[in-house]
């Protein structure tokens, strides 16, 4: 029975996700799948990425046979969540652009992993037009109908050039997405006059402040008191924020709603705030 050792792995992380599993589908390009099959490598899904294993006895032969560009292992990631672009940075500059990451640009970290981008997270500078020759060779017509969120290319020749190439634990690559931010806007459906009530939204962690802005008339002839955060809040799968609605009266302060609902990434609009366009998360309270 052959013994296999890790050759490489690629993981995708995202600041939005607390539960990293099953956020993406990762598939090799047809050329990569064929190259892997002919060399009896094993490919396994892991977390939000992929791991590749080779026969331990053939490891050195496999790597010594690689010249730059001769062995490109290329994988595509497809987002499972249709709202992925709502909360993810960087934004694609055009519908025909996507992230293209290459092992030649990877950065070694103290943890032993290699980051596939120079900064802490991927940025717009790593976007490529889908027609760019280096990227286009990894795409097919199906990728136009269902566009991947990224393509990662690992040149096995890079393993030979790195000091950890002989490490039997393989080379562990990763990339990380950052998130968009929005201003939270609470609509409190009420017939009360704003001048006759003394309501406030309070952050129990004392990090976010809300201001009471002009009431708005909503469809259906409903009137709403409006509260907006004075700064942007990072979008999260599960928010840690703890906001309360309180009323200040003659007998002191009382809590009306102990835990206000958090923002929903599917309910984001764009509007002018303090003279600039900003993302606004709308939250309605009846």
C-alpha atoms as a PDB file:
ATOM      1  CA  UNK A   1       0.000   0.000   0.000  1.00  0.00           C
ATOM      2  CA  UNK A   2       1.449   3.380  -1.044  1.00  0.00           C
ATOM      3  CA  UNK A   3       2.101   6.035   1.566  1.00  0.00           C
ATOM      4  CA  UNK A   4       1.074   9.567   0.637  1.00  0.00           C
ATOM      5  CA  UNK A   5       2.492  12.799   2.006  1.00  0.00           C
ATOM      6  CA  UNK A   6       1.111  16.353   1.734  1.00  0.00           C
ATOM      7  CA  UNK A   7       2.302  18.245  -1.318  1.00  0.00           C
ATOM      8  CA  UNK A   8       0.365  21.483  -0.948  1.00  0.00           C
ATOM      9  CA  UNK A   9      -2.860  22.971   0.323  1.00  0.00           C
ATOM     10  CA  UNK A  10      -4.788  26.160  -0.399  1.00  0.00           C
ATOM     11  CA  UNK A  11      -7.301  27.620   2.033  1.00  0.00           C
ATOM     12  CA  UNK A  12      -9.677  30.548   1.581  1.00  0.00           C
ATOM     13  CA  UNK A  13     -10.582  32.608   4.634  1.00  0.00           C
ATOM     14  CA  UNK A  14     -13.143  35.382   4.929  1.00  0.00           C
ATOM     15  CA  UNK A  15     -13.604  38.045   7.624  1.00  0.00           C
ATOM     16  CA  UNK A  16     -17.380  37.756   7.207  1.00  0.00           C
ATOM     17  CA  UNK A  17     -17.570  34.093   8.124  1.00  0.00           C
ATOM     18  CA  UNK A  18     -17.569  32.662  11.618  1.00  0.00           C
ATOM     19  CA  UNK A  19     -18.385  29.232  10.199  1.00  0.00           C
ATOM     20  CA  UNK A  20     -15.781  28.837   7.464  1.00  0.00           C
ATOM     21  CA  UNK A  21     -16.979  25.443   6.225  1.00  0.00           C
ATOM     22  CA  UNK A  22     -18.931  24.971   3.000  1.00  0.00           C
ATOM     23  CA  UNK A  23     -18.783  28.615   1.888  1.00  0.00           C
ATOM     24  CA  UNK A  24     -17.136  27.701  -1.421  1.00  0.00           C
ATOM     25  CA  UNK A  25     -16.889  24.934  -3.978  1.00  0.00           C
ATOM     26  CA  UNK A  26     -13.319  24.396  -5.185  1.00  0.00           C
ATOM     27  CA  UNK A  27     -12.623  22.572  -8.452  1.00  0.00           C
ATOM     28  CA  UNK A  28      -9.435  21.984 -10.465  1.00  0.00           C
ATOM     29  CA  UNK A  29      -9.250  23.093 -14.067  1.00  0.00           C
ATOM     30  CA  UNK A  30      -9.567  20.194 -16.566  1.00  0.00           C
ATOM     31  CA  UNK A  31      -5.838  20.443 -17.346  1.00  0.00           C
ATOM     32  CA  UNK A  32      -4.967  20.267 -13.655  1.00  0.00           C
ATOM     33  CA  UNK A  33      -7.320  17.331 -13.060  1.00  0.00           C
ATOM     34  CA  UNK A  34      -5.672  15.465 -15.942  1.00  0.00           C
ATOM     35  CA  UNK A  35      -2.124  16.258 -14.707  1.00  0.00           C
ATOM     36  CA  UNK A  36      -3.051  15.041 -11.216  1.00  0.00           C
ATOM     37  CA  UNK A  37      -4.633  11.839 -12.542  1.00  0.00           C
ATOM     38  CA  UNK A  38      -1.620  10.910 -14.657  1.00  0.00           C
ATOM     39  CA  UNK A  39       0.708  11.272 -11.685  1.00  0.00           C
ATOM     40  CA  UNK A  40      -1.521   9.426  -9.219  1.00  0.00           C
ATOM     41  CA  UNK A  41      -1.893  12.391  -6.877  1.00  0.00           C
ATOM     42  CA  UNK A  42      -4.738  12.600  -4.385  1.00  0.00           C
ATOM     43  CA  UNK A  43      -6.944  15.669  -4.044  1.00  0.00           C
ATOM     44  CA  UNK A  44      -9.106  16.227  -0.980  1.00  0.00           C
ATOM     45  CA  UNK A  45     -11.416  19.071   0.014  1.00  0.00           C
ATOM     46  CA  UNK A  46     -10.548  20.772   3.293  1.00  0.00           C
ATOM     47  CA  UNK A  47     -12.272  23.670   5.013  1.00  0.00           C
ATOM     48  CA  UNK A  48     -12.765  26.188   2.189  1.00  0.00           C
ATOM     49  CA  UNK A  49      -9.973  24.880   0.073  1.00  0.00           C
ATOM     50  CA  UNK A  50      -8.123  21.907  -1.254  1.00  0.00           C
ATOM     51  CA  UNK A  51      -5.204  19.651  -0.279  1.00  0.00           C
ATOM     52  CA  UNK A  52      -3.021  17.690  -2.687  1.00  0.00           C
ATOM     53  CA  UNK A  53      -1.025  14.591  -1.708  1.00  0.00           C
ATOM     54  CA  UNK A  54       1.645  12.628  -3.563  1.00  0.00           C
ATOM     55  CA  UNK A  55       3.264   9.245  -3.051  1.00  0.00           C
ATOM     56  CA  UNK A  56       6.019   9.757  -0.484  1.00  0.00           C
ATOM     57  CA  UNK A  57       8.491   7.591  -2.394  1.00  0.00           C
ATOM     58  CA  UNK A  58       7.987   9.648  -5.570  1.00  0.00           C
ATOM     59  CA  UNK A  59       7.924  13.084  -3.982  1.00  0.00           C
ATOM     60  CA  UNK A  60      11.489  14.139  -4.820  1.00  0.00           C
ATOM     61  CA  UNK A  61      11.251  12.815  -8.362  1.00  0.00           C
ATOM     62  CA  UNK A  62       8.010  14.747  -8.908  1.00  0.00           C
ATOM     63  CA  UNK A  63       9.490  18.051  -7.735  1.00  0.00           C
ATOM     64  CA  UNK A  64      12.872  17.631  -9.428  1.00  0.00           C
ATOM     65  CA  UNK A  65      11.085  17.135 -12.739  1.00  0.00           C
ATOM     66  CA  UNK A  66       9.373  20.536 -12.513  1.00  0.00           C
ATOM     67  CA  UNK A  67      10.605  23.521 -14.466  1.00  0.00           C
ATOM     68  CA  UNK A  68       8.913  26.949 -14.220  1.00  0.00           C
ATOM     69  CA  UNK A  69       5.556  26.856 -15.991  1.00  0.00           C
ATOM     70  CA  UNK A  70       5.657  23.125 -16.699  1.00  0.00           C
ATOM     71  CA  UNK A  71       3.453  22.047 -13.795  1.00  0.00           C
ATOM     72  CA  UNK A  72       0.689  24.513 -12.963  1.00  0.00           C
ATOM     73  CA  UNK A  73      -1.917  23.302 -10.487  1.00  0.00           C
ATOM     74  CA  UNK A  74      -4.856  25.662 -10.922  1.00  0.00           C
ATOM     75  CA  UNK A  75      -8.102  25.704  -8.960  1.00  0.00           C
ATOM     76  CA  UNK A  76     -11.282  27.771  -9.175  1.00  0.00           C
ATOM     77  CA  UNK A  77     -13.485  28.764  -6.262  1.00  0.00           C
ATOM     78  CA  UNK A  78     -17.224  29.312  -6.624  1.00  0.00           C
ATOM     79  CA  UNK A  79     -19.192  31.038  -3.849  1.00  0.00           C
ATOM     80  CA  UNK A  80     -22.122  29.107  -2.429  1.00  0.00           C
ATOM     81  CA  UNK A  81     -23.833  32.250  -1.148  1.00  0.00           C
ATOM     82  CA  UNK A  82     -25.654  34.333  -3.816  1.00  0.00           C
ATOM     83  CA  UNK A  83     -25.070  37.378  -1.592  1.00  0.00           C
ATOM     84  CA  UNK A  84     -21.294  36.895  -1.605  1.00  0.00           C
ATOM     85  CA  UNK A  85     -20.602  40.117  -3.518  1.00  0.00           C
ATOM     86  CA  UNK A  86     -22.808  42.094  -1.120  1.00  0.00           C
ATOM     87  CA  UNK A  87     -20.398  41.737   1.782  1.00  0.00           C
ATOM     88  CA  UNK A  88     -17.037  40.978   0.151  1.00  0.00           C
ATOM     89  CA  UNK A  89     -14.052  43.152  -0.689  1.00  0.00           C
ATOM     90  CA  UNK A  90     -12.479  43.741  -3.109  1.00  0.00           C
ATOM     91  CA  UNK A  91     -15.223  44.657  -5.545  1.00  0.00           C
ATOM     92  CA  UNK A  92     -14.693  43.542  -9.119  1.00  0.00           C
ATOM     93  CA  UNK A  93     -14.053  46.679 -11.226  1.00  0.00           C
ATOM     94  CA  UNK A  94     -16.046  45.146 -14.117  1.00  0.00           C
ATOM     95  CA  UNK A  95     -18.384  42.135 -14.517  1.00  0.00           C
ATOM     96  CA  UNK A  96     -15.652  40.501 -16.631  1.00  0.00           C
ATOM     97  CA  UNK A  97     -12.978  40.695 -13.901  1.00  0.00           C
ATOM     98  CA  UNK A  98     -12.024  38.221 -11.207  1.00  0.00           C
ATOM     99  CA  UNK A  99      -9.246  37.533  -8.716  1.00  0.00           C
ATOM    100  CA  UNK A 100      -6.193  35.743 -10.080  1.00  0.00           C
ATOM    101  CA  UNK A 101      -3.592  34.674  -7.519  1.00  0.00           C
ATOM    102  CA  UNK A 102      -0.249  32.996  -8.229  1.00  0.00           C
ATOM    103  CA  UNK A 103       2.232  31.167  -6.024  1.00  0.00           C
ATOM    104  CA  UNK A 104       5.111  33.209  -7.449  1.00  0.00           C
ATOM    105  CA  UNK A 105       3.788  36.209  -5.514  1.00  0.00           C
ATOM    106  CA  UNK A 106       3.258  34.348  -2.225  1.00  0.00           C
ATOM    107  CA  UNK A 107       4.674  35.684   1.036  1.00  0.00           C
ATOM    108  CA  UNK A 108       6.115  33.510   3.813  1.00  0.00           C
ATOM    109  CA  UNK A 109       4.659  33.961   7.313  1.00  0.00           C
ATOM    110  CA  UNK A 110       6.093  33.102  10.721  1.00  0.00           C
ATOM    111  CA  UNK A 111       3.335  30.491  11.074  1.00  0.00           C
ATOM    112  CA  UNK A 112       4.883  28.516   8.221  1.00  0.00           C
ATOM    113  CA  UNK A 113       2.032  29.245   5.816  1.00  0.00           C
ATOM    114  CA  UNK A 114       2.424  31.223   2.612  1.00  0.00           C
ATOM    115  CA  UNK A 115       0.013  34.085   1.921  1.00  0.00           C
ATOM    116  CA  UNK A 116      -0.996  34.467  -1.723  1.00  0.00           C
ATOM    117  CA  UNK A 117      -1.142  38.269  -1.490  1.00  0.00           C
ATOM    118  CA  UNK A 118       1.178  40.994  -0.231  1.00  0.00           C
ATOM    119  CA  UNK A 119      -1.252  42.673   2.186  1.00  0.00           C
ATOM    120  CA  UNK A 120      -3.312  41.207   5.000  1.00  0.00           C
ATOM    121  CA  UNK A 121      -6.204  40.568   2.590  1.00  0.00           C
ATOM    122  CA  UNK A 122      -6.659  40.332  -1.171  1.00  0.00           C
ATOM    123  CA  UNK A 123      -7.070  43.672  -2.930  1.00  0.00           C
ATOM    124  CA  UNK A 124      -8.346  45.049  -6.217  1.00  0.00           C
ATOM    125  CA  UNK A 125      -4.829  45.040  -7.662  1.00  0.00           C
ATOM    126  CA  UNK A 126      -5.124  41.270  -7.969  1.00  0.00           C
ATOM    127  CA  UNK A 127      -8.155  41.520 -10.241  1.00  0.00           C
ATOM    128  CA  UNK A 128      -7.643  40.523 -13.855  1.00  0.00           C
ATOM    129  CA  UNK A 129      -9.821  40.774 -16.933  1.00  0.00           C
ATOM    130  CA  UNK A 130     -11.121  37.327 -17.836  1.00  0.00           C
ATOM    131  CA  UNK A 131      -9.705  37.862 -21.332  1.00  0.00           C
ATOM    132  CA  UNK A 132      -6.145  38.464 -20.047  1.00  0.00           C
ATOM    133  CA  UNK A 133      -3.980  35.686 -21.587  1.00  0.00           C
ATOM    134  CA  UNK A 134      -2.516  34.309 -18.326  1.00  0.00           C
ATOM    135  CA  UNK A 135      -5.965  34.012 -16.750  1.00  0.00           C
ATOM    136  CA  UNK A 136      -7.973  33.146 -19.878  1.00  0.00           C
ATOM    137  CA  UNK A 137      -5.995  29.903 -20.368  1.00  0.00           C
ATOM    138  CA  UNK A 138      -7.574  28.571 -17.152  1.00  0.00           C
ATOM    139  CA  UNK A 139     -11.171  29.479 -18.055  1.00  0.00           C
ATOM    140  CA  UNK A 140     -13.813  27.976 -20.300  1.00  0.00           C
ATOM    141  CA  UNK A 141     -17.263  28.996 -21.536  1.00  0.00           C
ATOM    142  CA  UNK A 142     -18.971  27.661 -18.429  1.00  0.00           C
ATOM    143  CA  UNK A 143     -17.046  30.201 -16.344  1.00  0.00           C
ATOM    144  CA  UNK A 144     -18.819  32.994 -18.204  1.00  0.00           C
ATOM    145  CA  UNK A 145     -22.224  31.614 -17.223  1.00  0.00           C
ATOM    146  CA  UNK A 146     -21.176  30.964 -13.635  1.00  0.00           C
ATOM    147  CA  UNK A 147     -18.185  33.134 -12.845  1.00  0.00           C
ATOM    148  CA  UNK A 148     -15.754  31.884 -10.169  1.00  0.00           C
ATOM    149  CA  UNK A 149     -14.839  34.314  -7.403  1.00  0.00           C
ATOM    150  CA  UNK A 150     -11.145  33.529  -7.790  1.00  0.00           C
ATOM    151  CA  UNK A 151      -8.577  31.449  -9.606  1.00  0.00           C
ATOM    152  CA  UNK A 152      -5.423  30.319  -7.778  1.00  0.00           C
ATOM    153  CA  UNK A 153      -2.428  29.006  -9.708  1.00  0.00           C
ATOM    154  CA  UNK A 154       0.353  27.070  -7.982  1.00  0.00           C
ATOM    155  CA  UNK A 155       3.534  26.493  -9.980  1.00  0.00           C
ATOM    156  CA  UNK A 156       5.265  23.422  -8.539  1.00  0.00           C
ATOM    157  CA  UNK A 157       8.584  24.937  -9.587  1.00  0.00           C
ATOM    158  CA  UNK A 158       8.031  27.464  -6.790  1.00  0.00           C
ATOM    159  CA  UNK A 159       8.324  24.610  -4.289  1.00  0.00           C
ATOM    160  CA  UNK A 160      11.805  23.812  -5.529  1.00  0.00           C
ATOM    161  CA  UNK A 161      12.884  27.438  -5.171  1.00  0.00           C
ATOM    162  CA  UNK A 162      11.721  27.741  -1.560  1.00  0.00           C
ATOM    163  CA  UNK A 163      13.644  26.651   1.507  1.00  0.00           C
ATOM    164  CA  UNK A 164      10.693  24.583   2.764  1.00  0.00           C
ATOM    165  CA  UNK A 165      10.441  22.595  -0.472  1.00  0.00           C
ATOM    166  CA  UNK A 166      11.819  19.469   1.176  1.00  0.00           C
ATOM    167  CA  UNK A 167       9.371  19.702   4.073  1.00  0.00           C
ATOM    168  CA  UNK A 168       7.307  16.510   4.100  1.00  0.00           C
ATOM    169  CA  UNK A 169       4.371  18.539   5.424  1.00  0.00           C
ATOM    170  CA  UNK A 170       4.047  20.330   2.083  1.00  0.00           C
ATOM    171  CA  UNK A 171       3.489  23.993   1.381  1.00  0.00           C
ATOM    172  CA  UNK A 172       0.349  25.523   2.888  1.00  0.00           C
ATOM    173  CA  UNK A 173      -1.008  28.499   0.952  1.00  0.00           C
ATOM    174  CA  UNK A 174      -3.930  30.670   1.952  1.00  0.00           C
ATOM    175  CA  UNK A 175      -5.760  33.849   1.006  1.00  0.00           C
ATOM    176  CA  UNK A 176      -8.136  36.044   2.938  1.00  0.00           C
ATOM    177  CA  UNK A 177     -11.070  38.249   1.931  1.00  0.00           C
ATOM    178  CA  UNK A 178     -12.036  41.371   3.854  1.00  0.00           C
ATOM    179  CA  UNK A 179     -15.580  42.710   4.251  1.00  0.00           C
ATOM    180  CA  UNK A 180     -17.592  45.741   3.276  1.00  0.00           C
ATOM    181  CA  UNK A 181     -18.963  48.146   5.868  1.00  0.00           C
ATOM    182  CA  UNK A 182     -22.316  49.843   6.217  1.00  0.00           C
ATOM    183  CA  UNK A 183     -24.078  52.424   8.318  1.00  0.00           C
ATOM    184  CA  UNK A 184     -26.910  50.902  10.346  1.00  0.00           C
ATOM    185  CA  UNK A 185     -30.246  52.671  10.032  1.00  0.00           C
ATOM    186  CA  UNK A 186     -33.064  51.674  12.380  1.00  0.00           C
ATOM    187  CA  UNK A 187     -36.658  52.528  11.476  1.00  0.00           C
ATOM    188  CA  UNK A 188     -38.938  52.488  14.529  1.00  0.00           C
ATOM    189  CA  UNK A 189     -42.524  52.377  13.256  1.00  0.00           C
ATOM    190  CA  UNK A 190     -44.407  54.808  15.502  1.00  0.00           C
ATOM    191  CA  UNK A 191     -47.234  57.316  15.464  1.00  0.00           C
ATOM    192  CA  UNK A 192     -45.591  59.299  18.249  1.00  0.00           C
ATOM    193  CA  UNK A 193     -44.224  62.754  17.617  1.00  0.00           C
ATOM    194  CA  UNK A 194     -40.424  62.822  17.764  1.00  0.00           C
ATOM    195  CA  UNK A 195     -40.647  65.856  20.026  1.00  0.00           C
ATOM    196  CA  UNK A 196     -42.773  64.035  22.606  1.00  0.00           C
ATOM    197  CA  UNK A 197     -40.618  60.929  23.043  1.00  0.00           C
ATOM    198  CA  UNK A 198     -37.108  60.589  24.405  1.00  0.00           C
ATOM    199  CA  UNK A 199     -35.796  57.388  22.831  1.00  0.00           C
ATOM    200  CA  UNK A 200     -32.212  56.339  22.289  1.00  0.00           C
ATOM    201  CA  UNK A 201     -30.305  53.346  20.965  1.00  0.00           C
ATOM    202  CA  UNK A 202     -27.527  52.368  23.346  1.00  0.00           C
ATOM    203  CA  UNK A 203     -24.534  50.135  22.653  1.00  0.00           C
ATOM    204  CA  UNK A 204     -23.826  47.969  25.690  1.00  0.00           C
ATOM    205  CA  UNK A 205     -20.195  47.711  24.572  1.00  0.00           C
ATOM    206  CA  UNK A 206     -19.926  51.502  24.200  1.00  0.00           C
ATOM    207  CA  UNK A 207     -18.234  51.364  20.799  1.00  0.00           C
ATOM    208  CA  UNK A 208     -21.019  52.577  18.465  1.00  0.00           C
ATOM    209  CA  UNK A 209     -23.098  55.717  18.886  1.00  0.00           C
ATOM    210  CA  UNK A 210     -26.503  56.282  17.281  1.00  0.00           C
ATOM    211  CA  UNK A 211     -28.044  59.639  16.412  1.00  0.00           C
ATOM    212  CA  UNK A 212     -31.744  60.403  16.098  1.00  0.00           C
ATOM    213  CA  UNK A 213     -32.357  61.877  12.632  1.00  0.00           C
ATOM    214  CA  UNK A 214     -35.458  63.248  10.930  1.00  0.00           C
ATOM    215  CA  UNK A 215     -38.513  60.920  10.962  1.00  0.00           C
ATOM    216  CA  UNK A 216     -39.472  59.416   7.584  1.00  0.00           C
ATOM    217  CA  UNK A 217     -42.762  58.560   5.927  1.00  0.00           C
ATOM    218  CA  UNK A 218     -42.809  54.947   4.764  1.00  0.00           C
ATOM    219  CA  UNK A 219     -45.039  53.239   2.170  1.00  0.00           C
ATOM    220  CA  UNK A 220     -48.527  52.497   3.462  1.00  0.00           C
ATOM    221  CA  UNK A 221     -48.692  55.879   5.194  1.00  0.00           C
ATOM    222  CA  UNK A 222     -46.566  54.602   8.041  1.00  0.00           C
ATOM    223  CA  UNK A 223     -44.355  56.944   9.995  1.00  0.00           C
ATOM    224  CA  UNK A 224     -40.977  55.949  11.426  1.00  0.00           C
ATOM    225  CA  UNK A 225     -38.555  57.429  13.902  1.00  0.00           C
ATOM    226  CA  UNK A 226     -35.062  56.986  12.501  1.00  0.00           C
ATOM    227  CA  UNK A 227     -31.740  56.262  14.230  1.00  0.00           C
ATOM    228  CA  UNK A 228     -28.410  55.991  12.394  1.00  0.00           C
ATOM    229  CA  UNK A 229     -24.997  54.822  13.539  1.00  0.00           C
ATOM    230  CA  UNK A 230     -22.420  57.594  13.434  1.00  0.00           C
ATOM    231  CA  UNK A 231     -19.919  55.288  11.727  1.00  0.00           C
ATOM    232  CA  UNK A 232     -19.720  52.233   9.515  1.00  0.00           C
ATOM    233  CA  UNK A 233     -19.892  48.694  10.918  1.00  0.00           C
ATOM    234  CA  UNK A 234     -18.184  45.710   9.311  1.00  0.00           C
ATOM    235  CA  UNK A 235     -20.575  43.167   7.835  1.00  0.00           C
ATOM    236  CA  UNK A 236     -20.575  39.851   9.700  1.00  0.00           C
ATOM    237  CA  UNK A 237     -22.258  36.480   9.439  1.00  0.00           C
ATOM    238  CA  UNK A 238     -22.973  36.715  13.162  1.00  0.00           C
ATOM    239  CA  UNK A 239     -22.730  40.141  14.754  1.00  0.00           C
ATOM    240  CA  UNK A 240     -21.320  40.656  18.263  1.00  0.00           C
ATOM    241  CA  UNK A 241     -23.131  44.000  18.625  1.00  0.00           C
ATOM    242  CA  UNK A 242     -25.543  44.419  21.541  1.00  0.00           C
ATOM    243  CA  UNK A 243     -27.844  47.390  20.945  1.00  0.00           C
ATOM    244  CA  UNK A 244     -30.811  48.332  23.166  1.00  0.00           C
ATOM    245  CA  UNK A 245     -33.727  50.706  22.702  1.00  0.00           C
ATOM    246  CA  UNK A 246     -34.236  52.817  25.803  1.00  0.00           C
ATOM    247  CA  UNK A 247     -36.604  55.576  26.888  1.00  0.00           C
ATOM    248  CA  UNK A 248     -35.749  58.385  29.265  1.00  0.00           C
ATOM    249  CA  UNK A 249     -38.783  59.428  31.317  1.00  0.00           C
ATOM    250  CA  UNK A 250     -39.658  61.255  34.493  1.00  0.00           C
ATOM    251  CA  UNK A 251     -39.080  58.113  36.549  1.00  0.00           C
ATOM    252  CA  UNK A 252     -35.670  57.505  34.970  1.00  0.00           C
ATOM    253  CA  UNK A 253     -34.473  55.346  32.104  1.00  0.00           C
ATOM    254  CA  UNK A 254     -36.132  52.092  31.092  1.00  0.00           C
ATOM    255  CA  UNK A 255     -35.292  49.441  28.511  1.00  0.00           C
ATOM    256  CA  UNK A 256     -37.942  49.039  25.804  1.00  0.00           C
ATOM    257  CA  UNK A 257     -36.145  46.427  23.690  1.00  0.00           C
ATOM    258  CA  UNK A 258     -33.380  44.476  25.399  1.00  0.00           C
ATOM    259  CA  UNK A 259     -31.667  43.308  22.186  1.00  0.00           C
ATOM    260  CA  UNK A 260     -32.337  45.035  18.880  1.00  0.00           C
ATOM    261  CA  UNK A 261     -32.120  42.962  15.685  1.00  0.00           C
ATOM    262  CA  UNK A 262     -28.864  43.192  13.774  1.00  0.00           C
ATOM    263  CA  UNK A 263     -28.345  44.168  10.164  1.00  0.00           C
ATOM    264  CA  UNK A 264     -29.066  41.787   7.288  1.00  0.00           C
ATOM    265  CA  UNK A 265     -26.699  41.806   4.291  1.00  0.00           C
ATOM    266  CA  UNK A 266     -29.679  41.302   1.979  1.00  0.00           C
ATOM    267  CA  UNK A 267     -31.172  44.637   3.068  1.00  0.00           C
ATOM    268  CA  UNK A 268     -28.483  47.103   2.044  1.00  0.00           C
ATOM    269  CA  UNK A 269     -29.038  50.261   0.028  1.00  0.00           C
ATOM    270  CA  UNK A 270     -26.865  53.163  -1.024  1.00  0.00           C
ATOM    271  CA  UNK A 271     -27.643  56.721  -0.066  1.00  0.00           C
ATOM    272  CA  UNK A 272     -25.964  60.042   0.569  1.00  0.00           C
ATOM    273  CA  UNK A 273     -24.767  60.395   4.170  1.00  0.00           C
ATOM    274  CA  UNK A 274     -22.949  63.572   5.221  1.00  0.00           C
ATOM    275  CA  UNK A 275     -22.395  64.498   1.600  1.00  0.00           C
ATOM    276  CA  UNK A 276     -20.999  61.154   0.380  1.00  0.00           C
ATOM    277  CA  UNK A 277     -22.392  57.922  -0.993  1.00  0.00           C
ATOM    278  CA  UNK A 278     -22.467  55.194   1.658  1.00  0.00           C
ATOM    279  CA  UNK A 279     -23.865  51.697   2.115  1.00  0.00           C
ATOM    280  CA  UNK A 280     -26.769  51.691   4.543  1.00  0.00           C
ATOM    281  CA  UNK A 281     -28.233  48.632   6.267  1.00  0.00           C
ATOM    282  CA  UNK A 282     -31.947  49.184   6.878  1.00  0.00           C
ATOM    283  CA  UNK A 283     -33.497  47.572   9.965  1.00  0.00           C
ATOM    284  CA  UNK A 284     -37.228  47.887  10.666  1.00  0.00           C
ATOM    285  CA  UNK A 285     -38.801  47.624  14.127  1.00  0.00           C
ATOM    286  CA  UNK A 286     -42.583  47.454  14.429  1.00  0.00           C
END
